[in-house]
């Protein structure tokens, strides 16, 4: 898509995405779904489809897929109210993408 954007004269352009995550098991996923539904009462897709969830390895794979797509910025939005979610992301996912 970058060539099409450049062809239209847009030189300062980036591809960005926001993705919702819940690291852990069923308890964390249930909390994430409840939070997501409370915050977004009308959803374009079910919360269960909008949230990437599972063990940290699965979340790492999701982030790697986004990175492989050539995205410029990915915003990870933890849906579980626990600082441990941020710690896991910062310790086990983000170091691979720091420049």
PDB file of N, CA and C in Angstrom:
ATOM      1  N   UNK A   1       0.801  -1.182   0.000  1.00  0.00           N
ATOM      2  CA  UNK A   1       0.000   0.000   0.000  1.00  0.00           C
ATOM      3  C   UNK A   1       0.863   1.274   0.000  1.00  0.00           C
ATOM      4  N   UNK A   2       2.091   1.164   0.494  1.00  0.00           N
ATOM      5  CA  UNK A   2       2.958   2.346   0.506  1.00  0.00           C
ATOM      6  C   UNK A   2       3.166   2.935  -0.889  1.00  0.00           C
ATOM      7  N   UNK A   3       3.377   2.103  -1.926  1.00  0.00           N
ATOM      8  CA  UNK A   3       3.542   2.689  -3.264  1.00  0.00           C
ATOM      9  C   UNK A   3       2.315   3.485  -3.720  1.00  0.00           C
ATOM     10  N   UNK A   4       1.121   3.000  -3.408  1.00  0.00           N
ATOM     11  CA  UNK A   4      -0.087   3.728  -3.806  1.00  0.00           C
ATOM     12  C   UNK A   4      -0.181   5.075  -3.086  1.00  0.00           C
ATOM     13  N   UNK A   5       0.206   5.085  -1.821  1.00  0.00           N
ATOM     14  CA  UNK A   5       0.174   6.326  -1.044  1.00  0.00           C
ATOM     15  C   UNK A   5       1.197   7.308  -1.604  1.00  0.00           C
ATOM     16  N   UNK A   6       2.401   6.830  -1.870  1.00  0.00           N
ATOM     17  CA  UNK A   6       3.447   7.693  -2.417  1.00  0.00           C
ATOM     18  C   UNK A   6       3.044   8.233  -3.792  1.00  0.00           C
ATOM     19  N   UNK A   7       2.402   7.403  -4.593  1.00  0.00           N
ATOM     20  CA  UNK A   7       1.960   7.801  -5.929  1.00  0.00           C
ATOM     21  C   UNK A   7       0.975   8.967  -5.856  1.00  0.00           C
ATOM     22  N   UNK A   8       0.233   9.050  -4.775  1.00  0.00           N
ATOM     23  CA  UNK A   8      -0.727  10.144  -4.580  1.00  0.00           C
ATOM     24  C   UNK A   8      -0.082  11.375  -3.953  1.00  0.00           C
ATOM     25  N   UNK A   9       1.234  11.333  -3.794  1.00  0.00           N
ATOM     26  CA  UNK A   9       1.948  12.490  -3.296  1.00  0.00           C
ATOM     27  C   UNK A   9       1.994  12.626  -1.781  1.00  0.00           C
ATOM     28  N   UNK A  10       1.612  11.593  -1.081  1.00  0.00           N
ATOM     29  CA  UNK A  10       1.643  11.642   0.378  1.00  0.00           C
ATOM     30  C   UNK A  10       2.966  11.055   0.850  1.00  0.00           C
ATOM     31  N   UNK A  11       3.896  11.930   1.159  1.00  0.00           N
ATOM     32  CA  UNK A  11       5.230  11.466   1.539  1.00  0.00           C
ATOM     33  C   UNK A  11       5.366  11.257   3.041  1.00  0.00           C
ATOM     34  N   UNK A  12       4.585  11.956   3.813  1.00  0.00           N
ATOM     35  CA  UNK A  12       4.644  11.828   5.272  1.00  0.00           C
ATOM     36  C   UNK A  12       3.427  11.039   5.729  1.00  0.00           C
ATOM     37  N   UNK A  13       3.519   9.730   5.632  1.00  0.00           N
ATOM     38  CA  UNK A  13       2.376   8.861   5.878  1.00  0.00           C
ATOM     39  C   UNK A  13       2.839   7.672   6.712  1.00  0.00           C
ATOM     40  N   UNK A  14       2.007   7.253   7.652  1.00  0.00           N
ATOM     41  CA  UNK A  14       2.362   6.070   8.440  1.00  0.00           C
ATOM     42  C   UNK A  14       1.159   5.151   8.562  1.00  0.00           C
ATOM     43  N   UNK A  15       1.461   3.877   8.751  1.00  0.00           N
ATOM     44  CA  UNK A  15       0.439   2.866   8.985  1.00  0.00           C
ATOM     45  C   UNK A  15       0.432   2.541  10.467  1.00  0.00           C
ATOM     46  N   UNK A  16      -0.696   2.765  11.105  1.00  0.00           N
ATOM     47  CA  UNK A  16      -0.815   2.599  12.552  1.00  0.00           C
ATOM     48  C   UNK A  16      -1.992   1.689  12.885  1.00  0.00           C
ATOM     49  N   UNK A  17      -1.924   1.064  14.057  1.00  0.00           N
ATOM     50  CA  UNK A  17      -3.025   0.213  14.512  1.00  0.00           C
ATOM     51  C   UNK A  17      -3.079   0.222  16.038  1.00  0.00           C
ATOM     52  N   UNK A  18      -4.257  -0.055  16.535  1.00  0.00           N
ATOM     53  CA  UNK A  18      -4.478  -0.254  17.967  1.00  0.00           C
ATOM     54  C   UNK A  18      -5.002  -1.670  18.121  1.00  0.00           C
ATOM     55  N   UNK A  19      -4.451  -2.391  19.078  1.00  0.00           N
ATOM     56  CA  UNK A  19      -4.958  -3.733  19.348  1.00  0.00           C
ATOM     57  C   UNK A  19      -5.104  -3.928  20.849  1.00  0.00           C
ATOM     58  N   UNK A  20      -6.148  -4.613  21.217  1.00  0.00           N
ATOM     59  CA  UNK A  20      -6.455  -4.889  22.620  1.00  0.00           C
ATOM     60  C   UNK A  20      -5.875  -6.244  23.001  1.00  0.00           C
ATOM     61  N   UNK A  21      -5.274  -6.319  24.195  1.00  0.00           N
ATOM     62  CA  UNK A  21      -4.640  -7.558  24.633  1.00  0.00           C
ATOM     63  C   UNK A  21      -5.039  -7.905  26.060  1.00  0.00           C
ATOM     64  N   UNK A  22      -5.038  -9.197  26.323  1.00  0.00           N
ATOM     65  CA  UNK A  22      -5.255  -9.729  27.672  1.00  0.00           C
ATOM     66  C   UNK A  22      -4.314 -10.914  27.834  1.00  0.00           C
ATOM     67  N   UNK A  23      -3.322 -10.755  28.689  1.00  0.00           N
ATOM     68  CA  UNK A  23      -2.341 -11.815  28.904  1.00  0.00           C
ATOM     69  C   UNK A  23      -2.820 -12.692  30.043  1.00  0.00           C
ATOM     70  N   UNK A  24      -2.868 -13.992  29.810  1.00  0.00           N
ATOM     71  CA  UNK A  24      -3.254 -14.915  30.864  1.00  0.00           C
ATOM     72  C   UNK A  24      -4.258 -15.938  30.393  1.00  0.00           C
ATOM     73  N   UNK A  25      -5.022 -16.430  31.349  1.00  0.00           N
ATOM     74  CA  UNK A  25      -5.986 -17.492  31.080  1.00  0.00           C
ATOM     75  C   UNK A  25      -7.412 -16.991  31.002  1.00  0.00           C
ATOM     76  N   UNK A  26      -8.333 -17.884  31.327  1.00  0.00           N
ATOM     77  CA  UNK A  26      -9.757 -17.578  31.214  1.00  0.00           C
ATOM     78  C   UNK A  26     -10.203 -16.438  32.130  1.00  0.00           C
ATOM     79  N   UNK A  27      -9.648 -16.366  33.337  1.00  0.00           N
ATOM     80  CA  UNK A  27     -10.035 -15.295  34.270  1.00  0.00           C
ATOM     81  C   UNK A  27      -9.682 -13.931  33.690  1.00  0.00           C
ATOM     82  N   UNK A  28      -8.471 -13.805  33.171  1.00  0.00           N
ATOM     83  CA  UNK A  28      -8.041 -12.537  32.584  1.00  0.00           C
ATOM     84  C   UNK A  28      -8.856 -12.201  31.342  1.00  0.00           C
ATOM     85  N   UNK A  29      -9.147 -13.218  30.551  1.00  0.00           N
ATOM     86  CA  UNK A  29      -9.935 -12.981  29.345  1.00  0.00           C
ATOM     87  C   UNK A  29     -11.344 -12.524  29.702  1.00  0.00           C
ATOM     88  N   UNK A  30     -11.959 -13.151  30.698  1.00  0.00           N
ATOM     89  CA  UNK A  30     -13.307 -12.747  31.128  1.00  0.00           C
ATOM     90  C   UNK A  30     -13.299 -11.303  31.631  1.00  0.00           C
ATOM     91  N   UNK A  31     -12.276 -10.939  32.392  1.00  0.00           N
ATOM     92  CA  UNK A  31     -12.162  -9.557  32.868  1.00  0.00           C
ATOM     93  C   UNK A  31     -12.011  -8.593  31.685  1.00  0.00           C
ATOM     94  N   UNK A  32     -11.197  -8.974  30.723  1.00  0.00           N
ATOM     95  CA  UNK A  32     -10.970  -8.128  29.556  1.00  0.00           C
ATOM     96  C   UNK A  32     -12.248  -7.929  28.754  1.00  0.00           C
ATOM     97  N   UNK A  33     -12.991  -8.991  28.541  1.00  0.00           N
ATOM     98  CA  UNK A  33     -14.251  -8.898  27.794  1.00  0.00           C
ATOM     99  C   UNK A  33     -15.236  -7.991  28.529  1.00  0.00           C
ATOM    100  N   UNK A  34     -15.360  -8.160  29.840  1.00  0.00           N
ATOM    101  CA  UNK A  34     -16.277  -7.326  30.626  1.00  0.00           C
ATOM    102  C   UNK A  34     -15.871  -5.855  30.545  1.00  0.00           C
ATOM    103  N   UNK A  35     -14.586  -5.581  30.658  1.00  0.00           N
ATOM    104  CA  UNK A  35     -14.092  -4.205  30.575  1.00  0.00           C
ATOM    105  C   UNK A  35     -14.359  -3.615  29.195  1.00  0.00           C
ATOM    106  N   UNK A  36     -14.073  -4.376  28.173  1.00  0.00           N
ATOM    107  CA  UNK A  36     -14.250  -3.918  26.791  1.00  0.00           C
ATOM    108  C   UNK A  36     -15.724  -3.615  26.517  1.00  0.00           C
ATOM    109  N   UNK A  37     -16.603  -4.498  26.946  1.00  0.00           N
ATOM    110  CA  UNK A  37     -18.034  -4.301  26.718  1.00  0.00           C
ATOM    111  C   UNK A  37     -18.577  -3.116  27.520  1.00  0.00           C
ATOM    112  N   UNK A  38     -18.020  -2.889  28.694  1.00  0.00           N
ATOM    113  CA  UNK A  38     -18.443  -1.753  29.514  1.00  0.00           C
ATOM    114  C   UNK A  38     -18.006  -0.438  28.846  1.00  0.00           C
ATOM    115  N   UNK A  39     -16.825  -0.426  28.305  1.00  0.00           N
ATOM    116  CA  UNK A  39     -16.284   0.785  27.694  1.00  0.00           C
ATOM    117  C   UNK A  39     -16.889   1.046  26.316  1.00  0.00           C
ATOM    118  N   UNK A  40     -17.104  -0.028  25.556  1.00  0.00           N
ATOM    119  CA  UNK A  40     -17.677   0.076  24.216  1.00  0.00           C
ATOM    120  C   UNK A  40     -19.025  -0.642  24.195  1.00  0.00           C
ATOM    121  N   UNK A  41     -20.106   0.047  24.570  1.00  0.00           N
ATOM    122  CA  UNK A  41     -21.402  -0.639  24.626  1.00  0.00           C
ATOM    123  C   UNK A  41     -21.920  -1.107  23.263  1.00  0.00           C
ATOM    124  N   UNK A  42     -21.490  -0.433  22.199  1.00  0.00           N
ATOM    125  CA  UNK A  42     -21.869  -0.849  20.843  1.00  0.00           C
ATOM    126  C   UNK A  42     -20.576  -1.183  20.110  1.00  0.00           C
ATOM    127  N   UNK A  43     -20.430  -2.442  19.754  1.00  0.00           N
ATOM    128  CA  UNK A  43     -19.180  -2.909  19.149  1.00  0.00           C
ATOM    129  C   UNK A  43     -19.388  -3.339  17.700  1.00  0.00           C
ATOM    130  N   UNK A  44     -18.417  -3.046  16.832  1.00  0.00           N
ATOM    131  CA  UNK A  44     -18.525  -3.529  15.459  1.00  0.00           C
ATOM    132  C   UNK A  44     -18.303  -5.039  15.345  1.00  0.00           C
ATOM    133  N   UNK A  45     -17.535  -5.597  16.288  1.00  0.00           N
ATOM    134  CA  UNK A  45     -17.318  -7.040  16.361  1.00  0.00           C
ATOM    135  C   UNK A  45     -17.446  -7.449  17.825  1.00  0.00           C
ATOM    136  N   UNK A  46     -17.768  -8.707  18.095  1.00  0.00           N
ATOM    137  CA  UNK A  46     -17.840  -9.139  19.495  1.00  0.00           C
ATOM    138  C   UNK A  46     -16.511  -8.917  20.211  1.00  0.00           C
ATOM    139  N   UNK A  47     -16.589  -8.578  21.482  1.00  0.00           N
ATOM    140  CA  UNK A  47     -15.380  -8.330  22.281  1.00  0.00           C
ATOM    141  C   UNK A  47     -14.437  -9.524  22.222  1.00  0.00           C
ATOM    142  N   UNK A  48     -14.984 -10.723  22.177  1.00  0.00           N
ATOM    143  CA  UNK A  48     -14.154 -11.929  22.128  1.00  0.00           C
ATOM    144  C   UNK A  48     -13.271 -11.965  20.885  1.00  0.00           C
ATOM    145  N   UNK A  49     -13.710 -11.296  19.825  1.00  0.00           N
ATOM    146  CA  UNK A  49     -12.917 -11.238  18.595  1.00  0.00           C
ATOM    147  C   UNK A  49     -11.994 -10.021  18.567  1.00  0.00           C
ATOM    148  N   UNK A  50     -12.314  -9.002  19.341  1.00  0.00           N
ATOM    149  CA  UNK A  50     -11.546  -7.759  19.322  1.00  0.00           C
ATOM    150  C   UNK A  50     -10.302  -7.816  20.206  1.00  0.00           C
ATOM    151  N   UNK A  51     -10.258  -8.774  21.137  1.00  0.00           N
ATOM    152  CA  UNK A  51      -9.171  -8.832  22.105  1.00  0.00           C
ATOM    153  C   UNK A  51      -8.266 -10.021  21.808  1.00  0.00           C
ATOM    154  N   UNK A  52      -6.984  -9.743  21.596  1.00  0.00           N
ATOM    155  CA  UNK A  52      -6.005 -10.830  21.484  1.00  0.00           C
ATOM    156  C   UNK A  52      -5.720 -11.299  22.908  1.00  0.00           C
ATOM    157  N   UNK A  53      -5.856 -12.574  23.139  1.00  0.00           N
ATOM    158  CA  UNK A  53      -5.703 -13.071  24.506  1.00  0.00           C
ATOM    159  C   UNK A  53      -4.977 -14.405  24.529  1.00  0.00           C
ATOM    160  N   UNK A  54      -4.371 -14.669  25.681  1.00  0.00           N
ATOM    161  CA  UNK A  54      -3.666 -15.926  25.872  1.00  0.00           C
ATOM    162  C   UNK A  54      -2.361 -15.698  26.597  1.00  0.00           C
ATOM    163  N   UNK A  55      -1.517 -16.712  26.630  1.00  0.00           N
ATOM    164  CA  UNK A  55      -0.216 -16.580  27.294  1.00  0.00           C
ATOM    165  C   UNK A  55       0.656 -15.558  26.559  1.00  0.00           C
ATOM    166  N   UNK A  56       1.675 -15.087  27.233  1.00  0.00           N
ATOM    167  CA  UNK A  56       2.531 -14.035  26.671  1.00  0.00           C
ATOM    168  C   UNK A  56       3.129 -14.453  25.325  1.00  0.00           C
ATOM    169  N   UNK A  57       3.420 -15.720  25.145  1.00  0.00           N
ATOM    170  CA  UNK A  57       3.956 -16.196  23.868  1.00  0.00           C
ATOM    171  C   UNK A  57       3.000 -15.950  22.712  1.00  0.00           C
ATOM    172  N   UNK A  58       1.724 -16.119  22.963  1.00  0.00           N
ATOM    173  CA  UNK A  58       0.720 -15.882  21.921  1.00  0.00           C
ATOM    174  C   UNK A  58       0.649 -14.391  21.584  1.00  0.00           C
ATOM    175  N   UNK A  59       0.740 -13.549  22.604  1.00  0.00           N
ATOM    176  CA  UNK A  59       0.711 -12.105  22.374  1.00  0.00           C
ATOM    177  C   UNK A  59       1.962 -11.680  21.594  1.00  0.00           C
ATOM    178  N   UNK A  60       3.095 -12.275  21.921  1.00  0.00           N
ATOM    179  CA  UNK A  60       4.326 -12.000  21.166  1.00  0.00           C
ATOM    180  C   UNK A  60       4.145 -12.351  19.695  1.00  0.00           C
ATOM    181  N   UNK A  61       3.484 -13.476  19.423  1.00  0.00           N
ATOM    182  CA  UNK A  61       3.234 -13.887  18.038  1.00  0.00           C
ATOM    183  C   UNK A  61       2.338 -12.887  17.322  1.00  0.00           C
ATOM    184  N   UNK A  62       1.320 -12.383  18.011  1.00  0.00           N
ATOM    185  CA  UNK A  62       0.416 -11.393  17.418  1.00  0.00           C
ATOM    186  C   UNK A  62       1.191 -10.130  17.056  1.00  0.00           C
ATOM    187  N   UNK A  63       2.019  -9.660  17.977  1.00  0.00           N
ATOM    188  CA  UNK A  63       2.813  -8.455  17.728  1.00  0.00           C
ATOM    189  C   UNK A  63       3.773  -8.702  16.567  1.00  0.00           C
ATOM    190  N   UNK A  64       4.354  -9.871  16.503  1.00  0.00           N
ATOM    191  CA  UNK A  64       5.268 -10.211  15.402  1.00  0.00           C
ATOM    192  C   UNK A  64       4.539 -10.190  14.056  1.00  0.00           C
ATOM    193  N   UNK A  65       3.295 -10.638  14.031  1.00  0.00           N
ATOM    194  CA  UNK A  65       2.504 -10.593  12.791  1.00  0.00           C
ATOM    195  C   UNK A  65       2.277  -9.151  12.348  1.00  0.00           C
ATOM    196  N   UNK A  66       1.934  -8.296  13.300  1.00  0.00           N
ATOM    197  CA  UNK A  66       1.781  -6.878  12.962  1.00  0.00           C
ATOM    198  C   UNK A  66       3.093  -6.317  12.435  1.00  0.00           C
ATOM    199  N   UNK A  67       4.207  -6.606  13.101  1.00  0.00           N
ATOM    200  CA  UNK A  67       5.511  -6.097  12.684  1.00  0.00           C
ATOM    201  C   UNK A  67       5.851  -6.575  11.270  1.00  0.00           C
ATOM    202  N   UNK A  68       5.561  -7.821  10.983  1.00  0.00           N
ATOM    203  CA  UNK A  68       5.857  -8.381   9.665  1.00  0.00           C
ATOM    204  C   UNK A  68       5.033  -7.719   8.558  1.00  0.00           C
ATOM    205  N   UNK A  69       3.896  -7.142   8.935  1.00  0.00           N
ATOM    206  CA  UNK A  69       3.047  -6.489   7.935  1.00  0.00           C
ATOM    207  C   UNK A  69       3.626  -5.148   7.484  1.00  0.00           C
ATOM    208  N   UNK A  70       4.643  -4.644   8.208  1.00  0.00           N
ATOM    209  CA  UNK A  70       5.250  -3.379   7.849  1.00  0.00           C
ATOM    210  C   UNK A  70       4.647  -2.177   8.549  1.00  0.00           C
ATOM    211  N   UNK A  71       3.869  -2.425   9.553  1.00  0.00           N
ATOM    212  CA  UNK A  71       3.217  -1.344  10.301  1.00  0.00           C
ATOM    213  C   UNK A  71       4.266  -0.435  10.944  1.00  0.00           C
ATOM    214  N   UNK A  72       3.951   0.850  11.027  1.00  0.00           N
ATOM    215  CA  UNK A  72       4.871   1.816  11.626  1.00  0.00           C
ATOM    216  C   UNK A  72       4.674   1.961  13.129  1.00  0.00           C
ATOM    217  N   UNK A  73       3.442   1.879  13.575  1.00  0.00           N
ATOM    218  CA  UNK A  73       3.139   2.068  14.991  1.00  0.00           C
ATOM    219  C   UNK A  73       2.019   1.121  15.403  1.00  0.00           C
ATOM    220  N   UNK A  74       2.261   0.393  16.464  1.00  0.00           N
ATOM    221  CA  UNK A  74       1.241  -0.481  17.030  1.00  0.00           C
ATOM    222  C   UNK A  74       1.055  -0.077  18.487  1.00  0.00           C
ATOM    223  N   UNK A  75      -0.166   0.262  18.851  1.00  0.00           N
ATOM    224  CA  UNK A  75      -0.498   0.623  20.223  1.00  0.00           C
ATOM    225  C   UNK A  75      -1.168  -0.585  20.861  1.00  0.00           C
ATOM    226  N   UNK A  76      -0.549  -1.105  21.911  1.00  0.00           N
ATOM    227  CA  UNK A  76      -1.106  -2.250  22.635  1.00  0.00           C
ATOM    228  C   UNK A  76      -1.930  -1.716  23.793  1.00  0.00           C
ATOM    229  N   UNK A  77      -3.181  -2.119  23.858  1.00  0.00           N
ATOM    230  CA  UNK A  77      -4.097  -1.654  24.903  1.00  0.00           C
ATOM    231  C   UNK A  77      -4.463  -2.829  25.816  1.00  0.00           C
ATOM    232  N   UNK A  78      -3.792  -2.950  26.955  1.00  0.00           N
ATOM    233  CA  UNK A  78      -4.152  -4.024  27.887  1.00  0.00           C
ATOM    234  C   UNK A  78      -5.570  -3.813  28.414  1.00  0.00           C
ATOM    235  N   UNK A  79      -6.347  -4.865  28.433  1.00  0.00           N
ATOM    236  CA  UNK A  79      -7.736  -4.801  28.895  1.00  0.00           C
ATOM    237  C   UNK A  79      -7.916  -5.406  30.278  1.00  0.00           C
ATOM    238  N   UNK A  80      -6.837  -5.819  30.900  1.00  0.00           N
ATOM    239  CA  UNK A  80      -6.881  -6.357  32.271  1.00  0.00           C
ATOM    240  C   UNK A  80      -6.259  -5.308  33.182  1.00  0.00           C
ATOM    241  N   UNK A  81      -6.978  -4.961  34.231  1.00  0.00           N
ATOM    242  CA  UNK A  81      -6.497  -3.914  35.140  1.00  0.00           C
ATOM    243  C   UNK A  81      -5.482  -4.478  36.125  1.00  0.00           C
ATOM    244  N   UNK A  82      -4.275  -4.615  35.629  1.00  0.00           N
ATOM    245  CA  UNK A  82      -3.179  -5.123  36.446  1.00  0.00           C
ATOM    246  C   UNK A  82      -1.869  -4.594  35.859  1.00  0.00           C
ATOM    247  N   UNK A  83      -1.035  -4.039  36.714  1.00  0.00           N
ATOM    248  CA  UNK A  83       0.260  -3.571  36.231  1.00  0.00           C
ATOM    249  C   UNK A  83       1.114  -4.711  35.696  1.00  0.00           C
ATOM    250  N   UNK A  84       0.816  -5.920  36.117  1.00  0.00           N
ATOM    251  CA  UNK A  84       1.574  -7.078  35.628  1.00  0.00           C
ATOM    252  C   UNK A  84       1.448  -7.218  34.115  1.00  0.00           C
ATOM    253  N   UNK A  85       0.302  -6.829  33.562  1.00  0.00           N
ATOM    254  CA  UNK A  85       0.120  -6.867  32.109  1.00  0.00           C
ATOM    255  C   UNK A  85       1.164  -5.979  31.428  1.00  0.00           C
ATOM    256  N   UNK A  86       1.346  -4.767  31.952  1.00  0.00           N
ATOM    257  CA  UNK A  86       2.336  -3.846  31.385  1.00  0.00           C
ATOM    258  C   UNK A  86       3.751  -4.352  31.586  1.00  0.00           C
ATOM    259  N   UNK A  87       4.004  -4.932  32.749  1.00  0.00           N
ATOM    260  CA  UNK A  87       5.338  -5.478  33.011  1.00  0.00           C
ATOM    261  C   UNK A  87       5.682  -6.570  32.011  1.00  0.00           C
ATOM    262  N   UNK A  88       4.743  -7.480  31.779  1.00  0.00           N
ATOM    263  CA  UNK A  88       4.990  -8.568  30.828  1.00  0.00           C
ATOM    264  C   UNK A  88       5.239  -8.030  29.421  1.00  0.00           C
ATOM    265  N   UNK A  89       4.434  -7.059  29.006  1.00  0.00           N
ATOM    266  CA  UNK A  89       4.638  -6.474  27.678  1.00  0.00           C
ATOM    267  C   UNK A  89       6.002  -5.792  27.581  1.00  0.00           C
ATOM    268  N   UNK A  90       6.344  -5.011  28.615  1.00  0.00           N
ATOM    269  CA  UNK A  90       7.603  -4.267  28.550  1.00  0.00           C
ATOM    270  C   UNK A  90       8.829  -5.168  28.673  1.00  0.00           C
ATOM    271  N   UNK A  91       8.705  -6.262  29.409  1.00  0.00           N
ATOM    272  CA  UNK A  91       9.847  -7.162  29.602  1.00  0.00           C
ATOM    273  C   UNK A  91       9.993  -8.203  28.516  1.00  0.00           C
ATOM    274  N   UNK A  92       8.872  -8.697  27.983  1.00  0.00           N
ATOM    275  CA  UNK A  92       8.952  -9.854  27.099  1.00  0.00           C
ATOM    276  C   UNK A  92       8.544  -9.609  25.648  1.00  0.00           C
ATOM    277  N   UNK A  93       7.910  -8.471  25.377  1.00  0.00           N
ATOM    278  CA  UNK A  93       7.483  -8.203  24.002  1.00  0.00           C
ATOM    279  C   UNK A  93       8.234  -7.021  23.409  1.00  0.00           C
ATOM    280  N   UNK A  94       8.239  -5.899  24.096  1.00  0.00           N
ATOM    281  CA  UNK A  94       8.778  -4.670  23.535  1.00  0.00           C
ATOM    282  C   UNK A  94      10.281  -4.637  23.275  1.00  0.00           C
ATOM    283  N   UNK A  95      11.112  -5.295  24.090  1.00  0.00           N
ATOM    284  CA  UNK A  95      12.563  -5.201  23.832  1.00  0.00           C
ATOM    285  C   UNK A  95      12.962  -5.568  22.405  1.00  0.00           C
ATOM    286  N   UNK A  96      12.255  -6.458  21.785  1.00  0.00           N
ATOM    287  CA  UNK A  96      12.586  -6.881  20.427  1.00  0.00           C
ATOM    288  C   UNK A  96      12.367  -5.766  19.408  1.00  0.00           C
ATOM    289  N   UNK A  97      11.559  -4.768  19.758  1.00  0.00           N
ATOM    290  CA  UNK A  97      11.198  -3.724  18.805  1.00  0.00           C
ATOM    291  C   UNK A  97      11.765  -2.357  19.155  1.00  0.00           C
ATOM    292  N   UNK A  98      12.617  -2.286  20.164  1.00  0.00           N
ATOM    293  CA  UNK A  98      13.249  -1.016  20.514  1.00  0.00           C
ATOM    294  C   UNK A  98      14.380  -0.734  19.540  1.00  0.00           C
ATOM    295  N   UNK A  99      14.464   0.501  19.124  1.00  0.00           N
ATOM    296  CA  UNK A  99      15.505   0.886  18.151  1.00  0.00           C
ATOM    297  C   UNK A  99      16.532   1.747  18.808  1.00  0.00           C
TER     298      UNK A  99
END
